[in-house]
Amino acid sequence: MPGPTPSEPRHPVRAWPTSYAIAAVVFAVIDLVWLGVVAQPLYQDQLGHLLADEFNLVPAAAFYFLYWRRDGRWASRCGTPRSTGS
């Protein structure tokens, strides 16, 4: 089987930022629906005494950035073929 041609990269590096962005948007939509609509009554009822009075943007943004960075990397590189060392 012939290898990739010079115009076709072995690893589609340019596709990673797009994959990261798509993974972040999908994650944000699913998480917002879950936290804001589905689970909010349960969390308020069961964990209300632990919840902050006001929303804290900085810790939330840091958590989601790090979480998305880890999962986005995994999701966007899932289909990337591994180098054979040749």
N, C-alpha and C. Protein backbone atom coordinates (compact mmCIF):
# COMPACT_ATOMS: atom_id res chain seq x y z
N MET A 1 0.84 -1.17 0.00
CA MET A 1 0.00 0.00 0.00
C MET A 1 0.90 1.24 0.00
N PRO A 2 0.69 2.18 -0.94
CA PRO A 2 1.55 3.36 -1.00
C PRO A 2 1.29 4.29 0.18
N GLY A 3 2.35 5.01 0.56
CA GLY A 3 2.26 5.96 1.67
C GLY A 3 1.60 7.26 1.22
N PRO A 4 1.50 8.22 2.14
CA PRO A 4 0.88 9.49 1.77
C PRO A 4 1.74 10.27 0.78
N THR A 5 1.09 11.00 -0.09
CA THR A 5 1.81 11.83 -1.04
C THR A 5 2.32 13.07 -0.32
N PRO A 6 3.29 13.79 -0.88
CA PRO A 6 3.83 14.98 -0.21
C PRO A 6 2.76 16.04 0.09
N SER A 7 1.70 16.11 -0.71
CA SER A 7 0.68 17.12 -0.48
C SER A 7 -0.33 16.68 0.59
N GLU A 8 -0.30 15.43 0.97
CA GLU A 8 -1.26 14.92 1.95
C GLU A 8 -0.51 14.54 3.23
N PRO A 9 -0.67 15.36 4.30
CA PRO A 9 0.10 15.13 5.53
C PRO A 9 -0.30 13.83 6.22
N ARG A 10 0.66 13.26 6.92
CA ARG A 10 0.41 12.03 7.66
C ARG A 10 -0.55 12.27 8.82
N HIS A 11 -0.43 13.42 9.47
CA HIS A 11 -1.31 13.81 10.57
C HIS A 11 -2.02 15.10 10.20
N PRO A 12 -3.34 15.11 10.16
CA PRO A 12 -4.07 16.31 9.75
C PRO A 12 -4.06 17.37 10.86
N VAL A 13 -2.91 18.02 11.06
CA VAL A 13 -2.73 18.98 12.14
C VAL A 13 -3.70 20.15 12.01
N ARG A 14 -3.98 20.56 10.81
CA ARG A 14 -4.89 21.69 10.62
C ARG A 14 -6.31 21.38 11.05
N ALA A 15 -6.68 20.14 11.12
CA ALA A 15 -8.04 19.76 11.51
C ALA A 15 -8.20 19.76 13.04
N TRP A 16 -7.12 19.74 13.80
CA TRP A 16 -7.22 19.68 15.26
C TRP A 16 -7.92 20.89 15.87
N PRO A 17 -7.57 22.13 15.48
CA PRO A 17 -8.29 23.27 16.08
C PRO A 17 -9.80 23.22 15.80
N THR A 18 -10.16 22.79 14.60
CA THR A 18 -11.58 22.67 14.28
C THR A 18 -12.23 21.60 15.13
N SER A 19 -11.56 20.48 15.29
CA SER A 19 -12.09 19.40 16.13
C SER A 19 -12.21 19.85 17.58
N TYR A 20 -11.22 20.59 18.07
CA TYR A 20 -11.28 21.12 19.43
C TYR A 20 -12.49 22.02 19.59
N ALA A 21 -12.70 22.93 18.63
CA ALA A 21 -13.81 23.88 18.71
C ALA A 21 -15.15 23.15 18.67
N ILE A 22 -15.28 22.19 17.80
CA ILE A 22 -16.54 21.43 17.71
C ILE A 22 -16.78 20.67 19.00
N ALA A 23 -15.74 20.03 19.55
CA ALA A 23 -15.89 19.30 20.81
C ALA A 23 -16.29 20.25 21.94
N ALA A 24 -15.71 21.45 21.97
CA ALA A 24 -16.04 22.42 23.03
C ALA A 24 -17.49 22.88 22.92
N VAL A 25 -17.95 23.15 21.72
CA VAL A 25 -19.34 23.61 21.54
C VAL A 25 -20.32 22.50 21.91
N VAL A 26 -20.06 21.30 21.44
CA VAL A 26 -20.95 20.18 21.76
C VAL A 26 -20.98 19.94 23.27
N PHE A 27 -19.82 19.95 23.90
CA PHE A 27 -19.76 19.76 25.34
C PHE A 27 -20.51 20.86 26.07
N ALA A 28 -20.32 22.11 25.66
CA ALA A 28 -20.98 23.24 26.33
C ALA A 28 -22.50 23.15 26.20
N VAL A 29 -23.00 22.81 25.04
CA VAL A 29 -24.45 22.70 24.85
C VAL A 29 -25.02 21.58 25.71
N ILE A 30 -24.40 20.42 25.69
CA ILE A 30 -24.89 19.30 26.49
C ILE A 30 -24.83 19.63 27.97
N ASP A 31 -23.73 20.24 28.41
CA ASP A 31 -23.57 20.55 29.82
C ASP A 31 -24.54 21.64 30.28
N LEU A 32 -24.74 22.65 29.45
CA LEU A 32 -25.69 23.70 29.81
C LEU A 32 -27.11 23.15 29.93
N VAL A 33 -27.50 22.29 29.02
CA VAL A 33 -28.83 21.68 29.11
C VAL A 33 -28.93 20.83 30.37
N TRP A 34 -27.89 20.05 30.65
CA TRP A 34 -27.92 19.19 31.83
C TRP A 34 -27.97 20.01 33.12
N LEU A 35 -27.04 20.94 33.27
CA LEU A 35 -26.96 21.71 34.51
C LEU A 35 -28.10 22.71 34.66
N GLY A 36 -28.53 23.29 33.56
CA GLY A 36 -29.54 24.34 33.64
C GLY A 36 -30.97 23.87 33.61
N VAL A 37 -31.24 22.70 33.04
CA VAL A 37 -32.62 22.26 32.87
C VAL A 37 -32.89 20.92 33.55
N VAL A 38 -32.13 19.92 33.20
CA VAL A 38 -32.43 18.56 33.63
C VAL A 38 -32.12 18.33 35.11
N ALA A 39 -30.90 18.60 35.52
CA ALA A 39 -30.46 18.23 36.87
C ALA A 39 -30.59 19.35 37.90
N GLN A 40 -30.93 20.54 37.47
CA GLN A 40 -30.96 21.68 38.40
C GLN A 40 -31.90 21.45 39.59
N PRO A 41 -33.11 20.96 39.38
CA PRO A 41 -33.97 20.71 40.56
C PRO A 41 -33.38 19.67 41.51
N LEU A 42 -32.78 18.63 40.98
CA LEU A 42 -32.15 17.60 41.80
C LEU A 42 -30.99 18.18 42.59
N TYR A 43 -30.12 18.93 41.91
CA TYR A 43 -28.98 19.52 42.59
C TYR A 43 -29.43 20.50 43.67
N GLN A 44 -30.44 21.30 43.37
CA GLN A 44 -30.94 22.27 44.35
C GLN A 44 -31.52 21.55 45.56
N ASP A 45 -32.24 20.48 45.33
CA ASP A 45 -32.87 19.74 46.42
C ASP A 45 -31.85 18.99 47.27
N GLN A 46 -30.93 18.29 46.62
CA GLN A 46 -30.00 17.42 47.33
C GLN A 46 -28.70 18.12 47.76
N LEU A 47 -28.26 19.11 47.00
CA LEU A 47 -26.98 19.75 47.27
C LEU A 47 -27.10 21.25 47.52
N GLY A 48 -28.29 21.73 47.73
CA GLY A 48 -28.52 23.16 47.89
C GLY A 48 -27.66 23.81 48.95
N HIS A 49 -27.42 23.12 50.05
CA HIS A 49 -26.60 23.69 51.12
C HIS A 49 -25.12 23.80 50.73
N LEU A 50 -24.70 23.11 49.70
CA LEU A 50 -23.31 23.17 49.24
C LEU A 50 -23.11 24.15 48.09
N LEU A 51 -24.19 24.57 47.45
CA LEU A 51 -24.09 25.45 46.30
C LEU A 51 -23.78 26.88 46.72
N ALA A 52 -23.00 27.58 45.92
CA ALA A 52 -22.67 28.97 46.19
C ALA A 52 -23.90 29.85 45.97
N ASP A 53 -23.95 30.97 46.65
CA ASP A 53 -25.05 31.90 46.49
C ASP A 53 -25.03 32.56 45.11
N GLU A 54 -23.82 32.83 44.61
CA GLU A 54 -23.66 33.46 43.31
C GLU A 54 -22.76 32.59 42.42
N PHE A 55 -22.97 32.72 41.12
CA PHE A 55 -22.15 32.00 40.15
C PHE A 55 -20.75 32.61 40.11
N ASN A 56 -19.72 31.78 40.22
CA ASN A 56 -18.32 32.22 40.18
C ASN A 56 -17.73 31.84 38.82
N LEU A 57 -17.55 32.84 37.97
CA LEU A 57 -17.11 32.60 36.60
C LEU A 57 -15.68 32.08 36.51
N VAL A 58 -14.76 32.62 37.28
CA VAL A 58 -13.34 32.26 37.13
C VAL A 58 -13.09 30.77 37.43
N PRO A 59 -13.55 30.24 38.58
CA PRO A 59 -13.31 28.80 38.80
C PRO A 59 -14.05 27.92 37.80
N ALA A 60 -15.26 28.34 37.41
CA ALA A 60 -16.01 27.55 36.42
C ALA A 60 -15.28 27.54 35.07
N ALA A 61 -14.80 28.70 34.65
CA ALA A 61 -14.08 28.79 33.37
C ALA A 61 -12.80 27.97 33.41
N ALA A 62 -12.08 28.03 34.52
CA ALA A 62 -10.84 27.25 34.65
C ALA A 62 -11.13 25.75 34.59
N PHE A 63 -12.16 25.32 35.31
CA PHE A 63 -12.52 23.90 35.30
C PHE A 63 -12.89 23.45 33.89
N TYR A 64 -13.77 24.19 33.22
CA TYR A 64 -14.23 23.78 31.90
C TYR A 64 -13.11 23.86 30.87
N PHE A 65 -12.23 24.84 30.99
CA PHE A 65 -11.11 24.91 30.06
C PHE A 65 -10.23 23.68 30.19
N LEU A 66 -9.87 23.33 31.42
CA LEU A 66 -9.00 22.17 31.63
C LEU A 66 -9.70 20.86 31.25
N TYR A 67 -10.97 20.75 31.58
CA TYR A 67 -11.73 19.54 31.25
C TYR A 67 -11.86 19.40 29.73
N TRP A 68 -12.22 20.50 29.08
CA TRP A 68 -12.37 20.47 27.63
C TRP A 68 -11.03 20.22 26.95
N ARG A 69 -9.98 20.78 27.50
CA ARG A 69 -8.66 20.60 26.90
C ARG A 69 -8.28 19.12 26.90
N ARG A 70 -8.52 18.44 28.02
CA ARG A 70 -8.21 17.02 28.09
C ARG A 70 -9.12 16.21 27.17
N ASP A 71 -10.43 16.41 27.29
CA ASP A 71 -11.36 15.62 26.48
C ASP A 71 -11.33 16.03 25.02
N GLY A 72 -11.12 17.30 24.77
CA GLY A 72 -11.04 17.77 23.38
C GLY A 72 -9.85 17.18 22.66
N ARG A 73 -8.74 17.07 23.37
CA ARG A 73 -7.54 16.46 22.78
C ARG A 73 -7.81 14.99 22.45
N TRP A 74 -8.43 14.29 23.38
CA TRP A 74 -8.73 12.88 23.15
C TRP A 74 -9.72 12.72 22.00
N ALA A 75 -10.79 13.52 22.01
CA ALA A 75 -11.83 13.39 20.98
C ALA A 75 -11.32 13.78 19.60
N SER A 76 -10.51 14.82 19.52
CA SER A 76 -10.09 15.30 18.21
C SER A 76 -8.98 14.43 17.61
N ARG A 77 -8.26 13.69 18.43
CA ARG A 77 -7.17 12.87 17.90
C ARG A 77 -7.52 11.39 17.85
N CYS A 78 -8.75 11.05 18.13
CA CYS A 78 -9.17 9.66 18.15
C CYS A 78 -8.92 8.96 16.82
N GLY A 79 -9.25 9.61 15.73
CA GLY A 79 -9.13 8.97 14.42
C GLY A 79 -7.81 9.19 13.74
N THR A 80 -6.86 9.85 14.41
CA THR A 80 -5.57 10.12 13.81
C THR A 80 -4.72 8.85 13.83
N PRO A 81 -4.22 8.44 12.66
CA PRO A 81 -3.38 7.24 12.64
C PRO A 81 -2.08 7.47 13.41
N ARG A 82 -1.64 6.44 14.11
CA ARG A 82 -0.39 6.52 14.87
C ARG A 82 0.81 6.36 13.94
N SER A 83 1.89 7.00 14.32
CA SER A 83 3.12 6.88 13.54
C SER A 83 3.69 5.48 13.71
N THR A 84 4.17 4.92 12.63
CA THR A 84 4.75 3.58 12.69
C THR A 84 6.25 3.63 12.94
N GLY A 85 6.80 4.83 13.01
CA GLY A 85 8.24 4.96 13.26
C GLY A 85 9.09 4.81 12.01
N SER A 86 8.45 4.70 10.86
CA SER A 86 9.23 4.54 9.63
C SER A 86 9.35 5.85 8.90
